[in-house]
C-alpha atoms as a PDB file:
ATOM      1  CA  UNK A   1      -6.085 -10.379  -5.610  1.00  0.00           C
ATOM      2  CA  UNK A   2      -6.600 -11.176  -1.964  1.00  0.00           C
ATOM      3  CA  UNK A   3     -10.281 -10.307  -1.711  1.00  0.00           C
ATOM      4  CA  UNK A   4     -13.155  -7.945  -3.131  1.00  0.00           C
ATOM      5  CA  UNK A   5     -11.981  -4.663  -5.183  1.00  0.00           C
ATOM      6  CA  UNK A   6     -12.392  -1.723  -3.860  1.00  0.00           C
ATOM      7  CA  UNK A   7     -12.891   1.358  -5.671  1.00  0.00           C
ATOM      8  CA  UNK A   8     -10.640   4.880  -5.419  1.00  0.00           C
ATOM      9  CA  UNK A   9     -12.996   6.503  -2.790  1.00  0.00           C
ATOM     10  CA  UNK A  10     -13.231   2.973  -0.697  1.00  0.00           C
ATOM     11  CA  UNK A  11      -9.002   3.591  -0.550  1.00  0.00           C
ATOM     12  CA  UNK A  12      -8.861   7.922  -0.449  1.00  0.00           C
ATOM     13  CA  UNK A  13      -8.929   7.302   3.565  1.00  0.00           C
ATOM     14  CA  UNK A  14      -6.374   4.912   3.888  1.00  0.00           C
ATOM     15  CA  UNK A  15      -3.369   6.865   3.385  1.00  0.00           C
ATOM     16  CA  UNK A  16      -3.701   9.576   5.496  1.00  0.00           C
ATOM     17  CA  UNK A  17      -5.030   7.533   8.450  1.00  0.00           C
ATOM     18  CA  UNK A  18      -2.308   4.976   8.174  1.00  0.00           C
ATOM     19  CA  UNK A  19       0.604   7.587   7.984  1.00  0.00           C
ATOM     20  CA  UNK A  20      -1.028   9.934  10.175  1.00  0.00           C
ATOM     21  CA  UNK A  21      -0.770   6.763  12.740  1.00  0.00           C
ATOM     22  CA  UNK A  22       2.998   6.114  11.807  1.00  0.00           C
ATOM     23  CA  UNK A  23       2.573   3.625   9.450  1.00  0.00           C
ATOM     24  CA  UNK A  24       2.864   3.365   5.276  1.00  0.00           C
ATOM     25  CA  UNK A  25       0.925   2.690   2.552  1.00  0.00           C
ATOM     26  CA  UNK A  26       2.280   2.521  -0.890  1.00  0.00           C
ATOM     27  CA  UNK A  27       1.296   0.556  -3.810  1.00  0.00           C
ATOM     28  CA  UNK A  28       3.648  -2.608  -5.211  1.00  0.00           C
ATOM     29  CA  UNK A  29       6.594  -0.006  -6.055  1.00  0.00           C
ATOM     30  CA  UNK A  30       6.813   2.279  -3.259  1.00  0.00           C
ATOM     31  CA  UNK A  31       4.443   5.048  -4.566  1.00  0.00           C
ATOM     32  CA  UNK A  32       1.679   6.701  -3.663  1.00  0.00           C
ATOM     33  CA  UNK A  33      -0.849   3.799  -2.951  1.00  0.00           C
ATOM     34  CA  UNK A  34      -4.102   5.930  -4.799  1.00  0.00           C
ATOM     35  CA  UNK A  35      -2.251   6.634  -7.946  1.00  0.00           C
ATOM     36  CA  UNK A  36      -0.524   3.119  -8.467  1.00  0.00           C
ATOM     37  CA  UNK A  37      -1.609   0.114 -10.263  1.00  0.00           C
ATOM     38  CA  UNK A  38      -4.565  -1.077  -8.042  1.00  0.00           C
ATOM     39  CA  UNK A  39      -2.789  -2.662  -5.208  1.00  0.00           C
ATOM     40  CA  UNK A  40      -1.993  -1.283  -1.519  1.00  0.00           C
ATOM     41  CA  UNK A  41       0.385  -2.356   0.955  1.00  0.00           C
ATOM     42  CA  UNK A  42       0.016  -1.120   4.154  1.00  0.00           C
ATOM     43  CA  UNK A  43       2.497  -1.927   7.130  1.00  0.00           C
ATOM     44  CA  UNK A  44       3.212  -0.449  10.620  1.00  0.00           C
ATOM     45  CA  UNK A  45       5.817   1.162   8.407  1.00  0.00           C
ATOM     46  CA  UNK A  46       9.073  -0.377  10.045  1.00  0.00           C
ATOM     47  CA  UNK A  47       9.780  -2.826   7.726  1.00  0.00           C
ATOM     48  CA  UNK A  48       7.703  -1.131   4.955  1.00  0.00           C
ATOM     49  CA  UNK A  49      11.143  -1.465   2.321  1.00  0.00           C
ATOM     50  CA  UNK A  50      11.524  -5.210   3.411  1.00  0.00           C
ATOM     51  CA  UNK A  51       7.687  -6.205   3.125  1.00  0.00           C
ATOM     52  CA  UNK A  52       7.931  -4.291  -0.831  1.00  0.00           C
ATOM     53  CA  UNK A  53      10.665  -6.355  -1.693  1.00  0.00           C
ATOM     54  CA  UNK A  54       9.084  -9.926  -0.749  1.00  0.00           C
ATOM     55  CA  UNK A  55       6.240  -8.742  -2.634  1.00  0.00           C
ATOM     56  CA  UNK A  56       7.751  -7.709  -5.494  1.00  0.00           C
ATOM     57  CA  UNK A  57       7.703  -9.965  -8.614  1.00  0.00           C
ATOM     58  CA  UNK A  58      10.783 -11.938  -9.580  1.00  0.00           C
ATOM     59  CA  UNK A  59      12.595 -10.515 -12.512  1.00  0.00           C
END
């Protein structure tokens, strides 16, 4: 983990704010960030899929 753990209530506003600004917020598999396995990938959106590809574990 790259930082202290955050709870659901800490992350709940993040997808709304990021997506309203044109970005993307997902979990590592590209699904909704608040229903995933405690991971969040946030980007400006343009290269989000490529970023997910780099972050996915091999296999």
